[in-house]
Amino acid sequence: MSPAQQKALFENTARSMGDAPREIKLRHIGNCTEADPAYGHGVAEALGLRTAGSAKA
């Protein structure tokens, strides 16, 4: 998958989370991270949430 496709996937996933509670978003990020750490990190970044090693809050 190209970097542009990955970015689109992360953003689409984040958008589909909508206004889900933060706890649900964090759980989903955890599930994504288990599948592929880069996927989990990308989704977290797209959601504007912090993951281990990230400076975002």
N, C-alpha and C. Protein backbone atom coordinates (compact mmCIF):
# COMPACT_ATOMS: atom_id res chain seq x y z
N MET A 1 0.85 -1.17 0.00
CA MET A 1 0.00 0.00 0.00
C MET A 1 0.90 1.23 0.00
N SER A 2 0.59 2.16 -0.86
CA SER A 2 1.40 3.38 -0.96
C SER A 2 1.15 4.28 0.26
N PRO A 3 2.07 5.19 0.53
CA PRO A 3 1.85 6.13 1.65
C PRO A 3 0.54 6.92 1.51
N ALA A 4 0.18 7.29 0.29
CA ALA A 4 -1.08 8.03 0.09
C ALA A 4 -2.28 7.14 0.42
N GLN A 5 -2.20 5.88 0.05
CA GLN A 5 -3.29 4.95 0.36
C GLN A 5 -3.38 4.71 1.86
N GLN A 6 -2.23 4.59 2.52
CA GLN A 6 -2.22 4.42 3.96
C GLN A 6 -2.85 5.62 4.65
N LYS A 7 -2.47 6.82 4.22
CA LYS A 7 -3.04 8.04 4.82
C LYS A 7 -4.55 8.07 4.63
N ALA A 8 -5.02 7.71 3.44
CA ALA A 8 -6.46 7.67 3.19
C ALA A 8 -7.15 6.66 4.11
N LEU A 9 -6.52 5.50 4.31
CA LEU A 9 -7.08 4.49 5.20
C LEU A 9 -7.17 5.01 6.63
N PHE A 10 -6.09 5.62 7.11
CA PHE A 10 -6.10 6.16 8.47
C PHE A 10 -7.19 7.21 8.64
N GLU A 11 -7.29 8.12 7.68
CA GLU A 11 -8.28 9.20 7.77
C GLU A 11 -9.70 8.68 7.64
N ASN A 12 -9.92 7.71 6.77
CA ASN A 12 -11.25 7.11 6.63
C ASN A 12 -11.65 6.39 7.91
N THR A 13 -10.71 5.68 8.51
CA THR A 13 -11.00 4.98 9.77
C THR A 13 -11.34 6.00 10.85
N ALA A 14 -10.56 7.06 10.95
CA ALA A 14 -10.82 8.09 11.95
C ALA A 14 -12.18 8.74 11.73
N ARG A 15 -12.49 9.05 10.49
CA ARG A 15 -13.78 9.68 10.17
C ARG A 15 -14.95 8.76 10.53
N SER A 16 -14.77 7.47 10.29
CA SER A 16 -15.86 6.54 10.57
C SER A 16 -16.10 6.36 12.07
N MET A 17 -15.10 6.73 12.88
CA MET A 17 -15.28 6.66 14.34
C MET A 17 -16.22 7.77 14.81
N GLY A 18 -16.33 8.83 14.02
CA GLY A 18 -17.26 9.91 14.32
C GLY A 18 -17.10 10.44 15.73
N ASP A 19 -18.22 10.53 16.42
CA ASP A 19 -18.20 11.07 17.78
C ASP A 19 -18.28 9.95 18.82
N ALA A 20 -17.69 8.81 18.49
CA ALA A 20 -17.62 7.70 19.45
C ALA A 20 -16.87 8.17 20.69
N PRO A 21 -17.21 7.60 21.84
CA PRO A 21 -16.49 7.99 23.06
C PRO A 21 -14.98 7.72 22.94
N ARG A 22 -14.21 8.51 23.64
CA ARG A 22 -12.75 8.40 23.60
C ARG A 22 -12.30 6.98 23.95
N GLU A 23 -12.95 6.35 24.93
CA GLU A 23 -12.59 5.00 25.35
C GLU A 23 -12.71 4.00 24.19
N ILE A 24 -13.74 4.17 23.39
CA ILE A 24 -13.95 3.29 22.22
C ILE A 24 -12.84 3.52 21.20
N LYS A 25 -12.52 4.78 20.97
CA LYS A 25 -11.45 5.10 20.02
C LYS A 25 -10.13 4.50 20.48
N LEU A 26 -9.82 4.62 21.77
CA LEU A 26 -8.57 4.06 22.29
C LEU A 26 -8.56 2.53 22.16
N ARG A 27 -9.70 1.90 22.42
CA ARG A 27 -9.77 0.44 22.27
C ARG A 27 -9.54 0.05 20.82
N HIS A 28 -10.14 0.80 19.90
CA HIS A 28 -9.96 0.49 18.47
C HIS A 28 -8.51 0.70 18.05
N ILE A 29 -7.88 1.75 18.54
CA ILE A 29 -6.46 1.98 18.25
C ILE A 29 -5.64 0.79 18.74
N GLY A 30 -5.96 0.29 19.92
CA GLY A 30 -5.26 -0.88 20.45
C GLY A 30 -5.42 -2.09 19.56
N ASN A 31 -6.63 -2.31 19.07
CA ASN A 31 -6.88 -3.43 18.16
C ASN A 31 -6.10 -3.26 16.85
N CYS A 32 -6.10 -2.05 16.33
CA CYS A 32 -5.36 -1.76 15.10
C CYS A 32 -3.87 -1.99 15.32
N THR A 33 -3.37 -1.57 16.47
CA THR A 33 -1.95 -1.72 16.80
C THR A 33 -1.55 -3.18 16.89
N GLU A 34 -2.45 -4.01 17.42
CA GLU A 34 -2.16 -5.44 17.48
C GLU A 34 -2.05 -6.04 16.08
N ALA A 35 -2.86 -5.55 15.17
CA ALA A 35 -2.81 -6.04 13.79
C ALA A 35 -1.54 -5.55 13.10
N ASP A 36 -1.21 -4.27 13.29
CA ASP A 36 -0.03 -3.66 12.67
C ASP A 36 0.27 -2.37 13.42
N PRO A 37 1.41 -2.30 14.10
CA PRO A 37 1.73 -1.09 14.88
C PRO A 37 1.65 0.21 14.07
N ALA A 38 2.07 0.18 12.81
CA ALA A 38 2.01 1.39 11.99
C ALA A 38 0.56 1.79 11.72
N TYR A 39 -0.31 0.82 11.59
CA TYR A 39 -1.74 1.10 11.38
C TYR A 39 -2.32 1.75 12.62
N GLY A 40 -2.04 1.20 13.78
CA GLY A 40 -2.54 1.78 15.03
C GLY A 40 -2.05 3.20 15.23
N HIS A 41 -0.77 3.42 14.95
CA HIS A 41 -0.20 4.75 15.11
C HIS A 41 -0.84 5.72 14.12
N GLY A 42 -1.04 5.29 12.89
CA GLY A 42 -1.65 6.15 11.87
C GLY A 42 -3.07 6.53 12.22
N VAL A 43 -3.84 5.57 12.73
CA VAL A 43 -5.22 5.86 13.14
C VAL A 43 -5.22 6.82 14.33
N ALA A 44 -4.33 6.58 15.28
CA ALA A 44 -4.24 7.47 16.45
C ALA A 44 -3.91 8.89 16.01
N GLU A 45 -2.96 9.04 15.12
CA GLU A 45 -2.59 10.36 14.61
C GLU A 45 -3.78 11.01 13.91
N ALA A 46 -4.49 10.25 13.10
CA ALA A 46 -5.64 10.80 12.37
C ALA A 46 -6.75 11.23 13.33
N LEU A 47 -6.85 10.53 14.46
CA LEU A 47 -7.85 10.89 15.47
C LEU A 47 -7.35 12.01 16.39
N GLY A 48 -6.08 12.36 16.28
CA GLY A 48 -5.51 13.37 17.14
C GLY A 48 -5.30 12.88 18.56
N LEU A 49 -5.10 11.57 18.70
CA LEU A 49 -4.89 10.99 20.02
C LEU A 49 -3.46 10.52 20.18
N ARG A 50 -3.00 10.50 21.41
CA ARG A 50 -1.61 10.14 21.70
C ARG A 50 -1.48 8.62 21.80
N THR A 51 -0.38 8.13 21.27
CA THR A 51 0.01 6.74 21.45
C THR A 51 1.39 6.71 22.08
N ALA A 52 1.85 5.55 22.50
CA ALA A 52 3.18 5.44 23.09
C ALA A 52 4.21 6.01 22.13
N GLY A 53 5.04 6.89 22.62
CA GLY A 53 6.08 7.48 21.80
C GLY A 53 5.64 8.71 21.02
N SER A 54 4.39 9.12 21.16
CA SER A 54 3.88 10.28 20.45
C SER A 54 3.73 11.45 21.41
N ALA A 55 3.95 12.65 20.92
CA ALA A 55 3.84 13.84 21.76
C ALA A 55 2.44 14.44 21.74
N LYS A 56 1.56 13.93 20.88
CA LYS A 56 0.21 14.50 20.78
C LYS A 56 -0.65 14.08 21.97
N ALA A 57 -1.56 14.95 22.36
CA ALA A 57 -2.46 14.64 23.48
C ALA A 57 -3.81 14.19 22.98
